Amino acid sequence: MLGVLRRIASTFAIVGAAVALAAALMVVTSITLRALTTRPIQGDVELTQFAIALAISLALPWCQLRGANIIVDFFTQRLPRHQQRRLDGLGALLIGAMCALLAWRTSVGAIAVREATETSMILGLPMWWVYASLAPGLALAALVAFVQAVLHFRDAPMAALSGEPFDGASA
């Protein structure tokens, strides 16, 4: 189960990186066209905004899995390990709840925007596509965080989820 979750998060991150790379290439192409022909790619700003939002959403599960979030442990670094794990579990639980809430609300937003037939200003793309594309990454980030919370509360090694070799010293 944990290996499958890790592989899905990794795949999401790779797809997110590819989307970000495609957006970067489009921006460079558009700027070059603007400089050489005064005709940039139509809707380049819209497409960049959509692509980067998607890339971030798809990267969140991998970032959560790898513990790549900013952690301020100034006040907790001297606590006993079991108390740190409880606090880390609480933090994972809270971020999981936040991501689950965001996934739910973006899904609801996608339905509402689809019913309103809202489109982007320049290209006329259906806006519900953007909302709907954000929900899977947010939902997976929530799942990863909830699994991490369980591992923290059970005092299980995080290596079980992250896939790193377990040396016995770090959890």
C-alpha atoms as a PDB file:
ATOM      1  CA  MET A   1       0.000   0.000   0.000  1.00  0.00           C
ATOM      2  CA  LEU A   2       2.710   2.492   0.967  1.00  0.00           C
ATOM      3  CA  GLY A   3       4.769   1.622  -2.108  1.00  0.00           C
ATOM      4  CA  VAL A   4       1.770   2.231  -4.365  1.00  0.00           C
ATOM      5  CA  LEU A   5       1.116   5.581  -2.697  1.00  0.00           C
ATOM      6  CA  ARG A   6       4.780   6.507  -3.147  1.00  0.00           C
ATOM      7  CA  ARG A   7       4.724   5.547  -6.857  1.00  0.00           C
ATOM      8  CA  ILE A   8       1.546   7.524  -7.517  1.00  0.00           C
ATOM      9  CA  ALA A   9       2.985  10.595  -5.762  1.00  0.00           C
ATOM     10  CA  SER A  10       6.188  10.219  -7.787  1.00  0.00           C
ATOM     11  CA  THR A  11       4.232   9.937 -11.038  1.00  0.00           C
ATOM     12  CA  PHE A  12       2.181  13.022 -10.162  1.00  0.00           C
ATOM     13  CA  ALA A  13       5.407  14.941  -9.462  1.00  0.00           C
ATOM     14  CA  ILE A  14       6.955  13.880 -12.779  1.00  0.00           C
ATOM     15  CA  VAL A  15       3.826  14.916 -14.678  1.00  0.00           C
ATOM     16  CA  GLY A  16       3.797  18.204 -12.762  1.00  0.00           C
ATOM     17  CA  ALA A  17       7.434  18.823 -13.682  1.00  0.00           C
ATOM     18  CA  ALA A  18       6.649  18.093 -17.337  1.00  0.00           C
ATOM     19  CA  VAL A  19       3.750  20.550 -17.246  1.00  0.00           C
ATOM     20  CA  ALA A  20       5.974  23.226 -15.684  1.00  0.00           C
ATOM     21  CA  LEU A  21       8.669  22.566 -18.299  1.00  0.00           C
ATOM     22  CA  ALA A  22       6.119  22.838 -21.105  1.00  0.00           C
ATOM     23  CA  ALA A  23       4.897  26.144 -19.643  1.00  0.00           C
ATOM     24  CA  ALA A  24       8.464  27.449 -19.452  1.00  0.00           C
ATOM     25  CA  LEU A  25       9.143  26.463 -23.074  1.00  0.00           C
ATOM     26  CA  MET A  26       5.920  28.141 -24.149  1.00  0.00           C
ATOM     27  CA  VAL A  27       6.868  31.358 -22.336  1.00  0.00           C
ATOM     28  CA  VAL A  28      10.328  31.394 -23.953  1.00  0.00           C
ATOM     29  CA  THR A  29       8.771  30.751 -27.360  1.00  0.00           C
ATOM     30  CA  SER A  30       6.169  33.459 -26.846  1.00  0.00           C
ATOM     31  CA  ILE A  31       8.761  36.014 -25.743  1.00  0.00           C
ATOM     32  CA  THR A  32      10.965  35.124 -28.701  1.00  0.00           C
ATOM     33  CA  LEU A  33       8.038  35.459 -31.093  1.00  0.00           C
ATOM     34  CA  ARG A  34       7.069  38.776 -29.511  1.00  0.00           C
ATOM     35  CA  ALA A  35      10.615  40.084 -29.965  1.00  0.00           C
ATOM     36  CA  LEU A  36      11.078  38.809 -33.524  1.00  0.00           C
ATOM     37  CA  THR A  37       7.614  39.109 -35.042  1.00  0.00           C
ATOM     38  CA  THR A  38       5.580  41.171 -32.520  1.00  0.00           C
ATOM     39  CA  ARG A  39       3.113  38.237 -32.469  1.00  0.00           C
ATOM     40  CA  PRO A  40       3.362  36.238 -29.218  1.00  0.00           C
ATOM     41  CA  ILE A  41       1.472  33.022 -28.550  1.00  0.00           C
ATOM     42  CA  GLN A  42      -2.163  33.968 -28.091  1.00  0.00           C
ATOM     43  CA  GLY A  43      -3.249  33.397 -24.478  1.00  0.00           C
ATOM     44  CA  ASP A  44       0.245  32.640 -23.202  1.00  0.00           C
ATOM     45  CA  VAL A  45      -0.395  34.255 -19.824  1.00  0.00           C
ATOM     46  CA  GLU A  46      -3.631  32.290 -19.349  1.00  0.00           C
ATOM     47  CA  LEU A  47      -1.967  29.024 -20.292  1.00  0.00           C
ATOM     48  CA  THR A  48       0.992  29.733 -18.009  1.00  0.00           C
ATOM     49  CA  GLN A  49      -1.290  30.428 -15.049  1.00  0.00           C
ATOM     50  CA  PHE A  50      -3.239  27.227 -15.642  1.00  0.00           C
ATOM     51  CA  ALA A  51      -0.121  25.127 -16.144  1.00  0.00           C
ATOM     52  CA  ILE A  52       1.712  26.378 -13.067  1.00  0.00           C
ATOM     53  CA  ALA A  53      -1.358  25.883 -10.851  1.00  0.00           C
ATOM     54  CA  LEU A  54      -1.580  22.306 -12.138  1.00  0.00           C
ATOM     55  CA  ALA A  55       2.163  21.704 -11.694  1.00  0.00           C
ATOM     56  CA  ILE A  56       2.044  22.908  -8.092  1.00  0.00           C
ATOM     57  CA  SER A  57      -0.990  20.772  -7.316  1.00  0.00           C
ATOM     58  CA  LEU A  58       0.671  17.695  -8.769  1.00  0.00           C
ATOM     59  CA  ALA A  59       3.921  18.333  -6.862  1.00  0.00           C
ATOM     60  CA  LEU A  60       2.269  18.721  -3.447  1.00  0.00           C
ATOM     61  CA  PRO A  61       1.911  14.983  -2.686  1.00  0.00           C
ATOM     62  CA  TRP A  62       5.605  14.333  -3.389  1.00  0.00           C
ATOM     63  CA  CYS A  63       6.658  17.358  -1.335  1.00  0.00           C
ATOM     64  CA  GLN A  64       4.504  16.153   1.551  1.00  0.00           C
ATOM     65  CA  LEU A  65       5.837  12.610   1.244  1.00  0.00           C
ATOM     66  CA  ARG A  66       9.454  13.807   1.302  1.00  0.00           C
ATOM     67  CA  GLY A  67       8.869  16.190   4.208  1.00  0.00           C
ATOM     68  CA  ALA A  68       9.831  19.132   2.027  1.00  0.00           C
ATOM     69  CA  ASN A  69       7.572  21.564   3.853  1.00  0.00           C
ATOM     70  CA  ILE A  70       8.946  24.358   5.968  1.00  0.00           C
ATOM     71  CA  ILE A  71       9.161  23.231   9.565  1.00  0.00           C
ATOM     72  CA  VAL A  72       9.816  25.600  12.431  1.00  0.00           C
ATOM     73  CA  ASP A  73      11.121  23.390  15.207  1.00  0.00           C
ATOM     74  CA  PHE A  74      12.842  26.045  17.286  1.00  0.00           C
ATOM     75  CA  PHE A  75      10.495  25.483  20.225  1.00  0.00           C
ATOM     76  CA  THR A  76      10.208  21.714  19.895  1.00  0.00           C
ATOM     77  CA  GLN A  77      13.757  20.580  19.133  1.00  0.00           C
ATOM     78  CA  ARG A  78      14.500  19.954  22.817  1.00  0.00           C
ATOM     79  CA  LEU A  79      11.344  17.943  23.460  1.00  0.00           C
ATOM     80  CA  PRO A  80      11.578  14.182  23.852  1.00  0.00           C
ATOM     81  CA  ARG A  81      11.320  12.250  20.589  1.00  0.00           C
ATOM     82  CA  HIS A  82       7.843  10.839  21.369  1.00  0.00           C
ATOM     83  CA  GLN A  83       6.459  14.350  21.933  1.00  0.00           C
ATOM     84  CA  GLN A  84       8.041  15.569  18.692  1.00  0.00           C
ATOM     85  CA  ARG A  85       6.409  12.652  16.867  1.00  0.00           C
ATOM     86  CA  ARG A  86       3.011  13.539  18.338  1.00  0.00           C
ATOM     87  CA  LEU A  87       3.397  17.145  17.247  1.00  0.00           C
ATOM     88  CA  ASP A  88       4.552  16.024  13.797  1.00  0.00           C
ATOM     89  CA  GLY A  89       1.519  13.733  13.628  1.00  0.00           C
ATOM     90  CA  LEU A  90      -0.759  16.605  14.572  1.00  0.00           C
ATOM     91  CA  GLY A  91       0.872  18.786  11.901  1.00  0.00           C
ATOM     92  CA  ALA A  92       0.424  16.058   9.277  1.00  0.00           C
ATOM     93  CA  LEU A  93      -3.190  15.628  10.342  1.00  0.00           C
ATOM     94  CA  LEU A  94      -3.827  19.360   9.995  1.00  0.00           C
ATOM     95  CA  ILE A  95      -2.188  19.651   6.578  1.00  0.00           C
ATOM     96  CA  GLY A  96      -4.102  16.551   5.484  1.00  0.00           C
ATOM     97  CA  ALA A  97      -7.361  18.165   6.581  1.00  0.00           C
ATOM     98  CA  MET A  98      -6.441  21.380   4.765  1.00  0.00           C
ATOM     99  CA  CYS A  99      -5.590  19.536   1.526  1.00  0.00           C
ATOM    100  CA  ALA A 100      -8.759  17.444   1.763  1.00  0.00           C
ATOM    101  CA  LEU A 101     -10.805  20.603   2.237  1.00  0.00           C
ATOM    102  CA  LEU A 102      -9.100  22.247  -0.752  1.00  0.00           C
ATOM    103  CA  ALA A 103      -9.661  19.150  -2.907  1.00  0.00           C
ATOM    104  CA  TRP A 104     -13.325  19.080  -1.977  1.00  0.00           C
ATOM    105  CA  ARG A 105     -13.836  22.814  -2.586  1.00  0.00           C
ATOM    106  CA  THR A 106     -12.007  22.788  -5.929  1.00  0.00           C
ATOM    107  CA  SER A 107     -14.214  19.879  -6.997  1.00  0.00           C
ATOM    108  CA  VAL A 108     -17.338  21.754  -5.944  1.00  0.00           C
ATOM    109  CA  GLY A 109     -15.955  24.863  -7.656  1.00  0.00           C
ATOM    110  CA  ALA A 110     -15.368  22.910 -10.862  1.00  0.00           C
ATOM    111  CA  ILE A 111     -18.993  21.799 -10.900  1.00  0.00           C
ATOM    112  CA  ALA A 112     -20.264  25.326 -10.234  1.00  0.00           C
ATOM    113  CA  VAL A 113     -18.016  26.879 -12.885  1.00  0.00           C
ATOM    114  CA  ARG A 114     -19.038  24.216 -15.385  1.00  0.00           C
ATOM    115  CA  GLU A 115     -22.718  24.907 -14.735  1.00  0.00           C
ATOM    116  CA  ALA A 116     -22.043  28.632 -15.184  1.00  0.00           C
ATOM    117  CA  THR A 117     -20.201  27.860 -18.477  1.00  0.00           C
ATOM    118  CA  GLU A 118     -17.408  30.218 -17.430  1.00  0.00           C
ATOM    119  CA  THR A 119     -14.509  30.434 -19.887  1.00  0.00           C
ATOM    120  CA  SER A 120     -11.096  32.069 -19.903  1.00  0.00           C
ATOM    121  CA  MET A 121     -10.884  35.618 -21.279  1.00  0.00           C
ATOM    122  CA  ILE A 122      -8.588  35.187 -24.263  1.00  0.00           C
ATOM    123  CA  LEU A 123      -8.771  31.570 -25.380  1.00  0.00           C
ATOM    124  CA  GLY A 124     -12.292  30.819 -24.217  1.00  0.00           C
ATOM    125  CA  LEU A 125     -11.193  27.612 -22.494  1.00  0.00           C
ATOM    126  CA  PRO A 126     -13.693  26.127 -20.020  1.00  0.00           C
ATOM    127  CA  MET A 127     -12.547  27.223 -16.560  1.00  0.00           C
ATOM    128  CA  TRP A 128     -13.909  24.090 -14.928  1.00  0.00           C
ATOM    129  CA  TRP A 129     -11.010  22.187 -16.479  1.00  0.00           C
ATOM    130  CA  VAL A 130      -8.593  24.173 -14.331  1.00  0.00           C
ATOM    131  CA  TYR A 131     -10.501  23.590 -11.105  1.00  0.00           C
ATOM    132  CA  ALA A 132     -11.033  19.909 -11.835  1.00  0.00           C
ATOM    133  CA  SER A 133      -7.351  19.373 -12.637  1.00  0.00           C
ATOM    134  CA  LEU A 134      -6.288  20.669  -9.206  1.00  0.00           C
ATOM    135  CA  ALA A 135      -8.406  18.258  -7.147  1.00  0.00           C
ATOM    136  CA  PRO A 136      -6.451  14.998  -7.730  1.00  0.00           C
ATOM    137  CA  GLY A 137      -3.133  16.450  -6.563  1.00  0.00           C
ATOM    138  CA  LEU A 138      -4.725  18.009  -3.503  1.00  0.00           C
ATOM    139  CA  ALA A 139      -6.569  14.792  -2.656  1.00  0.00           C
ATOM    140  CA  LEU A 140      -3.397  12.725  -2.968  1.00  0.00           C
ATOM    141  CA  ALA A 141      -1.489  15.211  -0.796  1.00  0.00           C
ATOM    142  CA  ALA A 142      -4.223  14.822   1.831  1.00  0.00           C
ATOM    143  CA  LEU A 143      -3.948  11.031   1.688  1.00  0.00           C
ATOM    144  CA  VAL A 144      -0.159  11.151   2.036  1.00  0.00           C
ATOM    145  CA  ALA A 145      -0.442  13.508   5.022  1.00  0.00           C
ATOM    146  CA  PHE A 146      -3.043  11.294   6.731  1.00  0.00           C
ATOM    147  CA  VAL A 147      -0.808   8.237   6.267  1.00  0.00           C
ATOM    148  CA  GLN A 148       2.108  10.218   7.708  1.00  0.00           C
ATOM    149  CA  ALA A 149      -0.026  11.208  10.695  1.00  0.00           C
ATOM    150  CA  VAL A 150      -0.815   7.552  11.376  1.00  0.00           C
ATOM    151  CA  LEU A 151       2.874   6.634  11.085  1.00  0.00           C
ATOM    152  CA  HIS A 152       3.838   9.437  13.481  1.00  0.00           C
ATOM    153  CA  PHE A 153       1.179   8.485  16.031  1.00  0.00           C
ATOM    154  CA  ARG A 154       2.227   4.816  15.846  1.00  0.00           C
ATOM    155  CA  ASP A 155       5.879   5.828  16.127  1.00  0.00           C
ATOM    156  CA  ALA A 156       6.552   3.931  12.889  1.00  0.00           C
ATOM    157  CA  PRO A 157       9.518   4.911  10.735  1.00  0.00           C
ATOM    158  CA  MET A 158       8.693   7.447   8.021  1.00  0.00           C
ATOM    159  CA  ALA A 159      11.006   5.469   5.729  1.00  0.00           C
ATOM    160  CA  ALA A 160       8.107   3.028   5.323  1.00  0.00           C
ATOM    161  CA  LEU A 161       6.347   5.709   3.269  1.00  0.00           C
ATOM    162  CA  SER A 162       9.196   7.730   1.800  1.00  0.00           C
ATOM    163  CA  GLY A 163      11.039   4.657   0.550  1.00  0.00           C
ATOM    164  CA  GLU A 164      14.348   5.662   2.097  1.00  0.00           C
ATOM    165  CA  PRO A 165      16.475   2.992   3.757  1.00  0.00           C
ATOM    166  CA  PHE A 166      15.725   2.769   7.459  1.00  0.00           C
ATOM    167  CA  ASP A 167      18.843   3.103   9.571  1.00  0.00           C
ATOM    168  CA  GLY A 168      17.122   2.817  12.924  1.00  0.00           C
ATOM    169  CA  ALA A 169      18.319   6.259  14.067  1.00  0.00           C
ATOM    170  CA  SER A 170      15.835   8.417  12.215  1.00  0.00           C
ATOM    171  CA  ALA A 171      12.100   7.990  12.047  1.00  0.00           C
END
